[in-house]
C-alpha atoms as a PDB file:
ATOM      1  CA  MET A   1      51.443 114.693  78.403  1.00  0.00           C
ATOM      2  CA  PHE A   2      52.786 113.329  81.685  1.00  0.00           C
ATOM      3  CA  MET A   3      55.486 115.450  83.341  1.00  0.00           C
ATOM      4  CA  ARG A   4      57.297 114.677  86.561  1.00  0.00           C
ATOM      5  CA  ARG A   5      57.036 117.303  89.257  1.00  0.00           C
ATOM      6  CA  MET A   6      60.443 118.322  90.546  1.00  0.00           C
ATOM      7  CA  THR A   7      61.978 121.044  92.646  1.00  0.00           C
ATOM      8  CA  ALA A   8      63.719 123.984  91.026  1.00  0.00           C
ATOM      9  CA  ALA A   9      67.045 122.642  92.300  1.00  0.00           C
ATOM     10  CA  ALA A  10      66.423 119.239  90.719  1.00  0.00           C
ATOM     11  CA  ALA A  11      65.315 120.871  87.457  1.00  0.00           C
ATOM     12  CA  GLY A  12      68.478 122.976  87.324  1.00  0.00           C
ATOM     13  CA  LEU A  13      70.632 119.938  88.010  1.00  0.00           C
ATOM     14  CA  PHE A  14      68.793 117.944  85.338  1.00  0.00           C
ATOM     15  CA  LEU A  15      69.399 120.650  82.741  1.00  0.00           C
ATOM     16  CA  GLY A  16      73.086 120.781  83.614  1.00  0.00           C
ATOM     17  CA  LEU A  17      73.478 117.015  83.371  1.00  0.00           C
ATOM     18  CA  SER A  18      71.573 116.893  80.087  1.00  0.00           C
ATOM     19  CA  ALA A  19      73.750 119.641  78.609  1.00  0.00           C
ATOM     20  CA  GLY A  20      76.859 117.721  79.593  1.00  0.00           C
ATOM     21  CA  ILE A  21      75.614 114.586  77.872  1.00  0.00           C
ATOM     22  CA  ALA A  22      74.676 116.489  74.701  1.00  0.00           C
ATOM     23  CA  SER A  23      78.087 118.152  74.516  1.00  0.00           C
ATOM     24  CA  GLY A  24      79.984 114.934  75.105  1.00  0.00           C
ATOM     25  CA  GLN A  25      77.812 112.955  72.714  1.00  0.00           C
ATOM     26  CA  ALA A  26      78.425 115.356  69.846  1.00  0.00           C
ATOM     27  CA  MET A  27      82.174 114.860  70.254  1.00  0.00           C
ATOM     28  CA  ALA A  28      81.805 111.091  70.536  1.00  0.00           C
ATOM     29  CA  ASP A  29      79.728 110.834  67.373  1.00  0.00           C
ATOM     30  CA  LEU A  30      82.246 112.948  65.508  1.00  0.00           C
ATOM     31  CA  ALA A  31      85.120 110.752  66.654  1.00  0.00           C
ATOM     32  CA  ALA A  32      83.212 107.586  65.797  1.00  0.00           C
ATOM     33  CA  GLY A  33      82.251 108.853  62.369  1.00  0.00           C
ATOM     34  CA  GLY A  34      78.675 107.760  62.837  1.00  0.00           C
ATOM     35  CA  GLY A  35      76.054 106.606  65.277  1.00  0.00           C
ATOM     36  CA  HIS A  36      77.583 103.530  66.915  1.00  0.00           C
ATOM     37  CA  VAL A  37      78.335 105.301  70.172  1.00  0.00           C
ATOM     38  CA  GLY A  38      75.170 107.355  70.030  1.00  0.00           C
ATOM     39  CA  ALA A  39      72.992 104.297  69.560  1.00  0.00           C
ATOM     40  CA  ALA A  40      74.052 102.842  72.887  1.00  0.00           C
ATOM     41  CA  ALA A  41      74.786 106.070  74.737  1.00  0.00           C
ATOM     42  CA  ARG A  42      71.854 106.156  77.141  1.00  0.00           C
ATOM     43  CA  GLY A  43      71.803 102.426  77.647  1.00  0.00           C
ATOM     44  CA  ALA A  44      74.106 100.292  79.738  1.00  0.00           C
ATOM     45  CA  ARG A  45      76.159  97.139  79.290  1.00  0.00           C
ATOM     46  CA  SER A  46      75.791  94.299  81.780  1.00  0.00           C
ATOM     47  CA  VAL A  47      77.576  91.217  83.081  1.00  0.00           C
ATOM     48  CA  LYS A  48      76.449  88.539  85.543  1.00  0.00           C
ATOM     49  CA  VAL A  49      77.852  88.193  89.050  1.00  0.00           C
ATOM     50  CA  PRO A  50      78.129  84.845  90.898  1.00  0.00           C
ATOM     51  CA  ALA A  51      75.849  84.637  93.936  1.00  0.00           C
ATOM     52  CA  ARG A  52      77.399  84.796  97.393  1.00  0.00           C
ATOM     53  CA  GLY A  53      78.990  81.433  98.130  1.00  0.00           C
ATOM     54  CA  GLU A  54      78.537  80.217  94.566  1.00  0.00           C
ATOM     55  CA  ARG A  55      81.566  78.819  92.775  1.00  0.00           C
ATOM     56  CA  ASP A  56      82.459  80.474  89.502  1.00  0.00           C
ATOM     57  CA  ASN A  57      85.670  78.529  88.910  1.00  0.00           C
ATOM     58  CA  GLY A  58      87.630  81.470  90.273  1.00  0.00           C
ATOM     59  CA  ARG A  59      86.883  83.679  87.295  1.00  0.00           C
ATOM     60  CA  SER A  60      85.273  87.056  86.947  1.00  0.00           C
ATOM     61  CA  ALA A  61      81.954  87.565  85.233  1.00  0.00           C
ATOM     62  CA  ALA A  62      83.228  89.045  82.016  1.00  0.00           C
ATOM     63  CA  ASP A  63      86.940  88.922  81.402  1.00  0.00           C
ATOM     64  CA  GLY A  64      87.803  85.395  82.502  1.00  0.00           C
ATOM     65  CA  ARG A  65      90.433  86.516  85.006  1.00  0.00           C
ATOM     66  CA  PRO A  66      90.494  85.515  88.691  1.00  0.00           C
ATOM     67  CA  ALA A  67      88.038  87.524  90.772  1.00  0.00           C
ATOM     68  CA  THR A  68      88.085  88.067  94.511  1.00  0.00           C
ATOM     69  CA  THR A  69      85.916  89.972  96.943  1.00  0.00           C
ATOM     70  CA  PRO A  70      87.818  91.876  99.654  1.00  0.00           C
ATOM     71  CA  ALA A  71      87.130  90.900 103.233  1.00  0.00           C
ATOM     72  CA  ALA A  72      85.440  93.367 105.530  1.00  0.00           C
ATOM     73  CA  GLY A  73      87.908  96.026 106.566  1.00  0.00           C
ATOM     74  CA  ALA A  74      90.305  95.199 103.748  1.00  0.00           C
ATOM     75  CA  VAL A  75      92.194  97.933 101.962  1.00  0.00           C
ATOM     76  CA  VAL A  76      91.403  98.297  98.266  1.00  0.00           C
ATOM     77  CA  THR A  77      93.797 100.332  96.179  1.00  0.00           C
ATOM     78  CA  ALA A  78      93.807 101.065  92.473  1.00  0.00           C
ATOM     79  CA  ASP A  79      97.044 101.054  90.510  1.00  0.00           C
ATOM     80  CA  ALA A  80      96.423 104.462  88.970  1.00  0.00           C
ATOM     81  CA  ALA A  81      98.847 107.291  88.371  1.00  0.00           C
ATOM     82  CA  GLY A  82      98.693 109.716  91.307  1.00  0.00           C
ATOM     83  CA  GLN A  83     100.118 113.108  92.047  1.00  0.00           C
ATOM     84  CA  THR A  84     102.864 113.794  94.545  1.00  0.00           C
ATOM     85  CA  GLY A  85     103.939 116.803  96.487  1.00  0.00           C
ATOM     86  CA  ASP A  86     103.266 118.515  99.765  1.00  0.00           C
ATOM     87  CA  ALA A  87      99.706 118.484 101.021  1.00  0.00           C
ATOM     88  CA  ALA A  88      97.712 121.679 101.320  1.00  0.00           C
ATOM     89  CA  PRO A  89      98.003 123.774 104.488  1.00  0.00           C
ATOM     90  CA  LEU A  90      95.518 123.336 107.309  1.00  0.00           C
ATOM     91  CA  THR A  91      91.986 123.114 105.969  1.00  0.00           C
ATOM     92  CA  SER A  92      88.741 121.999 107.556  1.00  0.00           C
ATOM     93  CA  VAL A  93      85.181 121.164 106.563  1.00  0.00           C
ATOM     94  CA  SER A  94      82.086 120.133 108.518  1.00  0.00           C
ATOM     95  CA  HIS A  95      78.825 118.638 107.246  1.00  0.00           C
ATOM     96  CA  ARG A  96      75.487 118.031 108.870  1.00  0.00           C
ATOM     97  CA  ALA A  97      72.743 120.588 108.269  1.00  0.00           C
ATOM     98  CA  HIS A  98      72.936 120.030 104.513  1.00  0.00           C
ATOM     99  CA  PRO A  99      73.954 116.423 103.872  1.00  0.00           C
ATOM    100  CA  THR A 100      76.594 115.731 101.250  1.00  0.00           C
ATOM    101  CA  VAL A 101      75.476 113.224  98.614  1.00  0.00           C
ATOM    102  CA  VAL A 102      77.978 110.662  97.335  1.00  0.00           C
ATOM    103  CA  VAL A 103      77.610 109.707  93.665  1.00  0.00           C
ATOM    104  CA  GLU A 104      79.668 106.700  92.554  1.00  0.00           C
ATOM    105  CA  LEU A 105      80.006 106.158  88.814  1.00  0.00           C
ATOM    106  CA  TYR A 106      81.171 102.729  87.647  1.00  0.00           C
ATOM    107  CA  THR A 107      82.667 103.290  84.231  1.00  0.00           C
ATOM    108  CA  SER A 108      85.203 101.944  81.741  1.00  0.00           C
ATOM    109  CA  GLN A 109      87.293 103.453  78.972  1.00  0.00           C
ATOM    110  CA  GLY A 110      86.552 100.316  76.970  1.00  0.00           C
ATOM    111  CA  CYS A 111      82.745 100.684  77.018  1.00  0.00           C
ATOM    112  CA  SER A 112      81.042 102.699  74.274  1.00  0.00           C
ATOM    113  CA  SER A 113      78.044 103.418  76.517  1.00  0.00           C
ATOM    114  CA  CYS A 114      80.137 105.185  79.164  1.00  0.00           C
ATOM    115  CA  PRO A 115      81.240 108.566  77.713  1.00  0.00           C
ATOM    116  CA  PRO A 116      77.816 110.236  78.234  1.00  0.00           C
ATOM    117  CA  ALA A 117      77.852 109.162  81.891  1.00  0.00           C
ATOM    118  CA  ASP A 118      81.438 110.407  82.236  1.00  0.00           C
ATOM    119  CA  GLU A 119      80.227 113.794  80.972  1.00  0.00           C
ATOM    120  CA  MET A 120      77.342 113.680  83.408  1.00  0.00           C
ATOM    121  CA  LEU A 121      79.726 113.102  86.308  1.00  0.00           C
ATOM    122  CA  ALA A 122      81.859 116.027  85.113  1.00  0.00           C
ATOM    123  CA  GLU A 123      78.792 118.268  85.438  1.00  0.00           C
ATOM    124  CA  LEU A 124      78.495 117.294  89.107  1.00  0.00           C
ATOM    125  CA  VAL A 125      82.063 118.286  89.950  1.00  0.00           C
ATOM    126  CA  GLY A 126      82.193 121.514  91.943  1.00  0.00           C
ATOM    127  CA  ARG A 127      78.492 121.471  92.850  1.00  0.00           C
ATOM    128  CA  LYS A 128      77.905 122.175  96.512  1.00  0.00           C
ATOM    129  CA  GLY A 129      76.767 119.212  98.563  1.00  0.00           C
ATOM    130  CA  ILE A 130      77.806 116.516  96.063  1.00  0.00           C
ATOM    131  CA  ILE A 131      80.887 114.265  96.020  1.00  0.00           C
ATOM    132  CA  PRO A 132      81.043 112.660  92.550  1.00  0.00           C
ATOM    133  CA  LEU A 133      83.530 109.796  92.261  1.00  0.00           C
ATOM    134  CA  ALA A 134      84.507 107.760  89.184  1.00  0.00           C
ATOM    135  CA  LEU A 135      85.460 104.142  89.832  1.00  0.00           C
ATOM    136  CA  HIS A 136      86.904 102.507  86.725  1.00  0.00           C
ATOM    137  CA  VAL A 137      86.279  98.776  86.417  1.00  0.00           C
ATOM    138  CA  ASN A 138      88.379  96.273  84.494  1.00  0.00           C
ATOM    139  CA  TYR A 139      85.903  93.733  83.102  1.00  0.00           C
ATOM    140  CA  TRP A 140      85.812  95.317  79.641  1.00  0.00           C
ATOM    141  CA  ASP A 141      89.596  95.383  79.235  1.00  0.00           C
ATOM    142  CA  TYR A 142      89.490  92.174  77.200  1.00  0.00           C
ATOM    143  CA  ILE A 143      87.719  93.796  74.228  1.00  0.00           C
ATOM    144  CA  GLY A 144      90.744  95.749  73.088  1.00  0.00           C
ATOM    145  CA  TRP A 145      91.675  98.563  75.465  1.00  0.00           C
ATOM    146  CA  THR A 146      93.004  98.362  79.015  1.00  0.00           C
ATOM    147  CA  ASP A 147      91.478 101.106  81.148  1.00  0.00           C
ATOM    148  CA  LYS A 148      94.308 103.266  82.499  1.00  0.00           C
ATOM    149  CA  PHE A 149      92.495 103.665  85.815  1.00  0.00           C
ATOM    150  CA  GLY A 150      90.745 100.289  85.980  1.00  0.00           C
ATOM    151  CA  SER A 151      91.009  98.152  89.099  1.00  0.00           C
ATOM    152  CA  GLN A 152      89.762  94.729  90.126  1.00  0.00           C
ATOM    153  CA  ALA A 153      89.106  96.282  93.543  1.00  0.00           C
ATOM    154  CA  PHE A 154      86.482  98.591  92.052  1.00  0.00           C
ATOM    155  CA  THR A 155      84.954  95.738  90.059  1.00  0.00           C
ATOM    156  CA  ASP A 156      84.670  93.846  93.355  1.00  0.00           C
ATOM    157  CA  ARG A 157      83.014  96.825  95.023  1.00  0.00           C
ATOM    158  CA  GLN A 158      80.424  97.052  92.269  1.00  0.00           C
ATOM    159  CA  LYS A 159      79.770  93.306  92.544  1.00  0.00           C
ATOM    160  CA  ALA A 160      79.297  93.691  96.303  1.00  0.00           C
ATOM    161  CA  TYR A 161      76.674  96.393  95.690  1.00  0.00           C
ATOM    162  CA  ALA A 162      74.782  94.029  93.388  1.00  0.00           C
ATOM    163  CA  LEU A 163      74.922  91.084  95.783  1.00  0.00           C
ATOM    164  CA  ALA A 164      73.822  93.315  98.679  1.00  0.00           C
ATOM    165  CA  ILE A 165      70.382  93.677  97.060  1.00  0.00           C
ATOM    166  CA  GLY A 166      70.193  90.116  95.740  1.00  0.00           C
ATOM    167  CA  SER A 167      71.109  91.047  92.167  1.00  0.00           C
ATOM    168  CA  ARG A 168      73.505  89.146  89.928  1.00  0.00           C
ATOM    169  CA  THR A 169      73.938  91.827  87.274  1.00  0.00           C
ATOM    170  CA  ILE A 170      76.326  94.777  87.123  1.00  0.00           C
ATOM    171  CA  TYR A 171      76.311  97.506  84.496  1.00  0.00           C
ATOM    172  CA  THR A 172      78.491 100.099  82.867  1.00  0.00           C
ATOM    173  CA  PRO A 173      77.761 102.833  83.219  1.00  0.00           C
ATOM    174  CA  GLN A 174      76.091 102.564  86.594  1.00  0.00           C
ATOM    175  CA  LEU A 175      75.642 105.303  89.177  1.00  0.00           C
ATOM    176  CA  ILE A 176      75.024 104.550  92.839  1.00  0.00           C
ATOM    177  CA  ILE A 177      73.602 107.397  94.904  1.00  0.00           C
ATOM    178  CA  ASP A 178      74.515 107.426  98.620  1.00  0.00           C
ATOM    179  CA  GLY A 179      74.908 103.641  98.557  1.00  0.00           C
ATOM    180  CA  ASP A 180      71.152 103.170  98.202  1.00  0.00           C
ATOM    181  CA  ASP A 181      69.841 103.967  94.722  1.00  0.00           C
ATOM    182  CA  ARG A 182      71.142 102.542  91.461  1.00  0.00           C
ATOM    183  CA  VAL A 183      70.863 104.085  87.999  1.00  0.00           C
ATOM    184  CA  ALA A 184      72.024 102.090  84.957  1.00  0.00           C
ATOM    185  CA  GLY A 185      72.919 104.208  81.942  1.00  0.00           C
ATOM    186  CA  ALA A 186      73.166 107.976  81.539  1.00  0.00           C
ATOM    187  CA  ARG A 187      69.749 109.096  82.835  1.00  0.00           C
ATOM    188  CA  PRO A 188      70.040 112.696  84.019  1.00  0.00           C
ATOM    189  CA  LEU A 189      66.441 113.063  85.184  1.00  0.00           C
ATOM    190  CA  ASP A 190      66.654 110.064  87.498  1.00  0.00           C
ATOM    191  CA  VAL A 191      70.070 111.107  88.803  1.00  0.00           C
ATOM    192  CA  ALA A 192      68.979 114.714  89.456  1.00  0.00           C
ATOM    193  CA  GLU A 193      65.856 113.633  91.339  1.00  0.00           C
ATOM    194  CA  LEU A 194      67.708 111.068  93.455  1.00  0.00           C
ATOM    195  CA  ILE A 195      70.432 113.544  94.394  1.00  0.00           C
ATOM    196  CA  GLN A 196      67.820 116.055  95.544  1.00  0.00           C
ATOM    197  CA  GLU A 197      65.949 113.378  97.511  1.00  0.00           C
ATOM    198  CA  HIS A 198      69.086 112.349  99.371  1.00  0.00           C
ATOM    199  CA  ALA A 199      70.153 115.964  99.924  1.00  0.00           C
ATOM    200  CA  ALA A 200      66.808 116.619 101.642  1.00  0.00           C
ATOM    201  CA  ASP A 201      67.184 113.618 103.968  1.00  0.00           C
ATOM    202  CA  PRO A 202      68.793 114.796 107.241  1.00  0.00           C
ATOM    203  CA  SER A 203      71.688 112.800 108.657  1.00  0.00           C
ATOM    204  CA  PRO A 204      72.089 111.983 112.361  1.00  0.00           C
ATOM    205  CA  VAL A 205      75.855 112.403 111.950  1.00  0.00           C
ATOM    206  CA  GLU A 206      77.978 115.545 112.090  1.00  0.00           C
ATOM    207  CA  LEU A 207      81.263 114.870 110.283  1.00  0.00           C
ATOM    208  CA  THR A 208      84.287 117.176 110.388  1.00  0.00           C
ATOM    209  CA  LEU A 209      87.554 116.795 108.476  1.00  0.00           C
ATOM    210  CA  THR A 210      90.735 118.730 109.132  1.00  0.00           C
ATOM    211  CA  ARG A 211      93.788 118.323 106.934  1.00  0.00           C
ATOM    212  CA  SER A 212      97.233 119.441 107.995  1.00  0.00           C
ATOM    213  CA  GLY A 213     100.451 118.448 106.283  1.00  0.00           C
ATOM    214  CA  LYS A 214     100.370 114.729 105.525  1.00  0.00           C
ATOM    215  CA  ALA A 215      97.470 113.856 107.819  1.00  0.00           C
ATOM    216  CA  VAL A 216      93.711 114.217 107.945  1.00  0.00           C
ATOM    217  CA  THR A 217      91.823 114.260 111.243  1.00  0.00           C
ATOM    218  CA  ILE A 218      88.321 112.800 111.206  1.00  0.00           C
ATOM    219  CA  ALA A 219      85.811 113.754 113.897  1.00  0.00           C
ATOM    220  CA  ALA A 220      82.176 112.686 114.043  1.00  0.00           C
ATOM    221  CA  GLN A 221      79.292 112.599 116.483  1.00  0.00           C
ATOM    222  CA  SER A 222      75.823 111.169 116.167  1.00  0.00           C
ATOM    223  CA  ASP A 223      72.376 111.698 117.619  1.00  0.00           C
ATOM    224  CA  ARG A 224      71.961 107.939 117.900  1.00  0.00           C
ATOM    225  CA  THR A 225      73.837 104.660 117.924  1.00  0.00           C
ATOM    226  CA  PHE A 226      73.749 102.319 114.950  1.00  0.00           C
ATOM    227  CA  GLY A 227      72.672  98.708 114.859  1.00  0.00           C
ATOM    228  CA  GLN A 228      75.835  97.796 113.006  1.00  0.00           C
ATOM    229  CA  GLN A 229      79.261  99.348 112.833  1.00  0.00           C
ATOM    230  CA  LEU A 230      79.650 101.954 110.101  1.00  0.00           C
ATOM    231  CA  MET A 231      82.668 101.651 107.826  1.00  0.00           C
ATOM    232  CA  VAL A 232      84.966 104.678 108.024  1.00  0.00           C
ATOM    233  CA  GLN A 233      86.406 104.955 104.517  1.00  0.00           C
ATOM    234  CA  LEU A 234      89.179 107.167 103.183  1.00  0.00           C
ATOM    235  CA  VAL A 235      89.049 107.879  99.437  1.00  0.00           C
ATOM    236  CA  ARG A 236      91.713 109.573  97.319  1.00  0.00           C
ATOM    237  CA  TYR A 237      91.075 110.759  93.779  1.00  0.00           C
ATOM    238  CA  LEU A 238      92.578 112.608  90.832  1.00  0.00           C
ATOM    239  CA  PRO A 239      90.575 115.738  89.993  1.00  0.00           C
ATOM    240  CA  GLU A 240      91.115 115.413  86.237  1.00  0.00           C
ATOM    241  CA  LYS A 241      93.025 113.410  83.632  1.00  0.00           C
ATOM    242  CA  THR A 242      92.786 113.334  79.832  1.00  0.00           C
ATOM    243  CA  VAL A 243      93.264 110.048  77.988  1.00  0.00           C
ATOM    244  CA  THR A 244      93.509 109.331  74.265  1.00  0.00           C
ATOM    245  CA  ILE A 245      91.974 105.924  73.593  1.00  0.00           C
ATOM    246  CA  LEU A 246      93.666 104.088  70.749  1.00  0.00           C
ATOM    247  CA  ARG A 247      91.768 100.791  70.577  1.00  0.00           C
ATOM    248  CA  GLY A 248      88.465  99.219  71.496  1.00  0.00           C
ATOM    249  CA  GLU A 249      84.951 100.616  71.236  1.00  0.00           C
ATOM    250  CA  ASN A 250      86.030 104.183  72.014  1.00  0.00           C
ATOM    251  CA  ALA A 251      89.048 104.168  69.682  1.00  0.00           C
ATOM    252  CA  GLY A 252      89.931 107.630  68.395  1.00  0.00           C
ATOM    253  CA  GLN A 253      88.351 109.513  71.266  1.00  0.00           C
ATOM    254  CA  THR A 254      90.195 111.790  73.671  1.00  0.00           C
ATOM    255  CA  ILE A 255      88.231 111.917  76.916  1.00  0.00           C
ATOM    256  CA  THR A 256      88.797 113.985  80.034  1.00  0.00           C
ATOM    257  CA  TYR A 257      87.851 112.060  83.155  1.00  0.00           C
ATOM    258  CA  HIS A 258      87.063 113.695  86.498  1.00  0.00           C
ATOM    259  CA  ASN A 259      87.351 112.711  90.162  1.00  0.00           C
ATOM    260  CA  ILE A 260      89.071 109.428  89.308  1.00  0.00           C
ATOM    261  CA  VAL A 261      89.329 107.264  92.418  1.00  0.00           C
ATOM    262  CA  THR A 262      92.868 105.996  92.994  1.00  0.00           C
ATOM    263  CA  SER A 263      92.397 104.382  96.407  1.00  0.00           C
ATOM    264  CA  TRP A 264      89.494 103.409  98.645  1.00  0.00           C
ATOM    265  CA  LYS A 265      90.483 102.286 102.140  1.00  0.00           C
ATOM    266  CA  VAL A 266      88.437 101.140 105.106  1.00  0.00           C
ATOM    267  CA  ILE A 267      90.374 102.694 107.980  1.00  0.00           C
ATOM    268  CA  GLY A 268      88.082 102.030 110.898  1.00  0.00           C
ATOM    269  CA  SER A 269      84.575 101.396 112.202  1.00  0.00           C
ATOM    270  CA  TRP A 270      82.157 103.337 114.407  1.00  0.00           C
ATOM    271  CA  ASP A 271      78.801 102.639 116.050  1.00  0.00           C
ATOM    272  CA  GLY A 272      77.936 106.225 117.007  1.00  0.00           C
ATOM    273  CA  ALA A 273      77.824 105.520 120.758  1.00  0.00           C
ATOM    274  CA  VAL A 274      80.728 107.856 121.505  1.00  0.00           C
ATOM    275  CA  PRO A 275      82.249 110.620 119.376  1.00  0.00           C
ATOM    276  CA  LEU A 276      84.670 109.449 116.702  1.00  0.00           C
ATOM    277  CA  SER A 277      88.203 110.815 116.574  1.00  0.00           C
ATOM    278  CA  LEU A 278      90.595 109.319 114.061  1.00  0.00           C
ATOM    279  CA  GLN A 279      93.697 110.410 112.210  1.00  0.00           C
ATOM    280  CA  ALA A 280      94.836 108.986 108.872  1.00  0.00           C
ATOM    281  CA  GLU A 281      97.746 109.527 106.518  1.00  0.00           C
ATOM    282  CA  ALA A 282      96.953 111.673 103.477  1.00  0.00           C
ATOM    283  CA  GLU A 283     100.220 112.248 101.671  1.00  0.00           C
ATOM    284  CA  GLY A 284     100.391 114.048  98.346  1.00  0.00           C
ATOM    285  CA  SER A 285      98.171 116.651  96.770  1.00  0.00           C
ATOM    286  CA  GLU A 286      95.195 114.483  95.780  1.00  0.00           C
ATOM    287  CA  PRO A 287      91.879 115.495  97.364  1.00  0.00           C
ATOM    288  CA  VAL A 288      90.543 113.451 100.280  1.00  0.00           C
ATOM    289  CA  ALA A 289      87.009 112.197 100.897  1.00  0.00           C
ATOM    290  CA  VAL A 290      85.772 110.431 104.007  1.00  0.00           C
ATOM    291  CA  ILE A 291      82.609 108.328 103.755  1.00  0.00           C
ATOM    292  CA  LEU A 292      80.744 106.767 106.688  1.00  0.00           C
ATOM    293  CA  GLN A 293      78.717 103.886 105.307  1.00  0.00           C
ATOM    294  CA  GLU A 294      76.761 100.884 106.466  1.00  0.00           C
ATOM    295  CA  PRO A 295      78.401  97.546 105.609  1.00  0.00           C
ATOM    296  CA  GLY A 296      77.165  95.682 102.581  1.00  0.00           C
ATOM    297  CA  PRO A 297      78.029  98.190 101.159  1.00  0.00           C
ATOM    298  CA  GLY A 298      74.848  99.947 102.193  1.00  0.00           C
ATOM    299  CA  SER A 299      73.579 103.420 102.981  1.00  0.00           C
ATOM    300  CA  VAL A 300      75.954 106.359 103.279  1.00  0.00           C
ATOM    301  CA  LEU A 301      75.272 108.167 106.555  1.00  0.00           C
ATOM    302  CA  ALA A 302      77.765 111.017 106.155  1.00  0.00           C
ATOM    303  CA  ALA A 303      80.499 112.200 103.820  1.00  0.00           C
ATOM    304  CA  ALA A 304      82.859 115.125 103.417  1.00  0.00           C
ATOM    305  CA  SER A 305      85.759 116.035 101.151  1.00  0.00           C
ATOM    306  CA  LEU A 306      88.783 118.317 101.229  1.00  0.00           C
ATOM    307  CA  GLU A 307      91.045 119.506  98.422  1.00  0.00           C
END
């Protein structure tokens, strides 16, 4: 019998992700009264994306509504319920020796294949060296349930990832690891191995965040310059929100979502030639993540988060 060789850390992560899927799937099957959700759970749903420059009559791949791709440097913001209040007192975090891995999950409340991946993301929350982020897309809204956190901006980001590698297909669920590796469906073994691979890959960038009051200060320095300007991105997210889904493929389920992205802004660019020093507004109590990423979107070079 063929068995993959993996590190102890990857094996532990795999077991945790698998347990999360099993727990969530049992609840989903109970709510569905049968095996409809379970039958598709580890698969993924797909739609086609128009090629760059190709006309698609101004409509998105799946839901028939107008679709746009944000220009470089544009601000993309989801219309999701946030939290308000005073920000945390002065806090700081620095990352370099042990790179932080960014895991983006593209998901939808209207997709029956997504709950296992949502559970998998929940298992990543709180793990050292990982920033798991849930980006809810809107192209399944037409089948009966409008995702409470869905945004065309996040659909556009997922499309941009596909076009960056010459693909015309996007999936839910889909996980993108550090901007480089793509996993369609809830596949804990693949996700665990990829996270460990990226965690072992040293970054040339030292990134430090300091949050005080309503502002976050971003400082970075690099061992080398980059051939193209990195995007400096500020991400805000809700740690947790529970939703009861009344219609669509997941009707009858109550699902707790984690690390729900509410805004994703490109706030600057940096080529690594001189140290980076930047301050950005960070009002409210939502956590903050800063991601330095090649355009495309491409590889993530550094990331850090603060509560």
